[in-house]
Protein backbone atom coordinates (compact mmCIF):
# COMPACT_ATOMS: atom_id res chain seq x y z
CA MET A 1 11.33 29.56 13.86
CA THR A 2 9.07 26.80 12.56
CA SER A 3 10.66 24.34 10.16
CA LYS A 4 8.55 22.84 7.41
CA LYS A 5 7.98 19.10 7.66
CA VAL A 6 9.16 16.84 4.86
CA ARG A 7 6.18 15.20 3.17
CA VAL A 8 6.48 11.47 2.50
CA LEU A 9 4.02 9.25 0.63
CA VAL A 10 4.16 5.52 1.35
CA GLY A 11 2.29 3.86 -1.49
CA SER A 12 1.90 0.33 -2.73
CA PRO A 13 -0.47 -2.20 -4.20
CA ILE A 14 -1.11 -4.75 -1.45
CA TYR A 15 -1.59 -8.46 -2.09
CA GLN A 16 -0.39 -10.22 1.02
CA LYS A 17 -1.07 -13.00 3.47
CA PRO A 18 -2.52 -11.70 6.75
CA HIS A 19 0.39 -12.76 8.99
CA ILE A 20 2.90 -10.94 6.75
CA LEU A 21 0.68 -7.89 6.22
CA GLN A 22 0.24 -7.57 9.98
CA LYS A 23 4.00 -7.27 10.45
CA PHE A 24 4.29 -4.76 7.59
CA LEU A 25 1.56 -2.51 8.99
CA LEU A 26 3.06 -2.72 12.47
CA SER A 27 6.42 -1.63 11.05
CA LEU A 28 4.73 1.42 9.48
CA LYS A 29 3.18 2.35 12.82
CA ARG A 30 6.64 2.20 14.41
CA LEU A 31 8.36 4.51 11.92
CA ASP A 32 10.09 7.57 13.35
CA THR A 33 8.04 10.36 11.80
CA GLU A 34 9.61 13.28 13.63
CA GLY A 35 9.93 16.17 11.18
CA LYS A 36 7.90 14.32 8.57
CA GLU A 37 4.33 14.42 7.39
CA LEU A 38 3.52 10.84 6.44
CA ALA A 39 0.70 9.86 4.09
CA TYR A 40 -0.33 6.46 2.79
CA PHE A 41 -1.85 5.31 -0.49
CA PHE A 42 -2.60 1.61 -0.69
CA ILE A 43 -4.43 -0.31 -3.38
CA ASP A 44 -6.11 -3.34 -1.87
CA ASP A 45 -5.57 -6.22 -4.29
CA ASN A 46 -6.01 -8.94 -1.67
CA GLU A 47 -7.99 -12.10 -2.14
CA ASP A 48 -8.02 -12.85 1.58
CA GLU A 49 -10.74 -10.84 3.31
CA ARG A 50 -8.69 -10.79 6.53
CA SER A 51 -5.94 -8.85 4.74
CA SER A 52 -8.48 -6.42 3.29
CA LYS A 53 -9.95 -5.88 6.76
CA MET A 54 -6.48 -5.21 8.20
CA LEU A 55 -5.84 -2.58 5.52
CA GLU A 56 -9.23 -0.99 6.17
CA ASP A 57 -8.55 -0.87 9.93
CA PHE A 58 -5.10 0.65 9.34
CA SER A 59 -6.61 3.23 7.00
CA GLN A 60 -9.19 4.27 9.59
CA GLU A 61 -6.46 4.72 12.23
CA GLN A 62 -4.40 7.07 10.06
CA ASN A 63 -5.09 10.76 9.57
CA ASN A 64 -3.67 10.96 6.07
CA ASP A 65 -4.52 7.78 4.19
CA LYS A 66 -5.99 6.75 0.86
CA LEU A 67 -7.19 3.20 0.29
CA LEU A 68 -8.63 1.96 -2.99
CA ALA A 69 -10.01 -1.46 -3.84
CA SER A 70 -8.50 -2.82 -7.03
CA ASN A 71 -11.68 -4.69 -8.02
CA GLN A 72 -9.52 -6.88 -10.25
CA SER A 73 -9.01 -10.59 -9.92
CA ASP A 74 -6.01 -12.38 -11.35
CA VAL A 75 -4.30 -15.63 -10.65
CA TYR A 76 -1.08 -14.84 -8.84
CA VAL A 77 1.05 -17.75 -7.76
CA CYS A 78 3.98 -17.63 -5.39
CA ASN A 79 5.70 -20.34 -3.47
CA GLY A 80 8.65 -20.54 -1.11
CA THR A 81 11.06 -20.03 -4.00
CA THR A 82 9.64 -17.49 -6.44
CA HIS A 83 6.71 -15.45 -7.69
CA TYR A 84 5.15 -16.31 -11.05
CA TRP A 85 4.27 -13.25 -13.11
CA ASN A 86 2.31 -13.08 -16.33
CA GLU A 87 1.89 -10.10 -18.64
CA ASN A 88 -1.53 -9.15 -17.23
CA LEU A 89 -0.15 -9.02 -13.68
CA VAL A 90 2.81 -6.89 -14.75
CA TRP A 91 0.55 -4.34 -16.45
CA LYS A 92 -1.95 -4.36 -13.58
CA VAL A 93 0.77 -3.55 -11.04
CA ALA A 94 2.27 -0.94 -13.40
CA ASP A 95 -1.14 0.75 -13.61
CA PHE A 96 -1.46 0.69 -9.82
CA LYS A 97 1.97 2.25 -9.41
CA ASN A 98 1.14 4.92 -12.01
CA MET A 99 -1.96 5.80 -9.96
CA ILE A 100 0.20 6.23 -6.87
CA ILE A 101 2.73 8.38 -8.75
CA GLU A 102 -0.06 10.56 -10.20
CA HIS A 103 -1.47 11.00 -6.67
CA ALA A 104 1.97 12.01 -5.36
CA ILE A 105 2.37 14.58 -8.12
CA LYS A 106 -1.16 15.96 -7.60
CA GLU A 107 -0.65 16.29 -3.83
CA GLN A 108 2.93 17.55 -4.24
């Protein structure tokens, strides 16, 4: 008897420093996916080209991946203590997350 795999979508807007993104992507590669069909949907909102290249490389390695460029530029400031959000950033990220949710619904 063949059991049906659980489908899981890992989705997120990505705006990250390369050294942190590298660890995140490595952790995704190490996930135990037994019994699961994993898919990815990332929105590349990086300013650092190295981070964008890492996401592109990860996307090409995966069988079930969707990668979109945000093509939006906003000033986003974070320091060792906190992240500074403005209204435009909040709505931009909300729109990105809505895109991911709509994709999940469409693909069931």
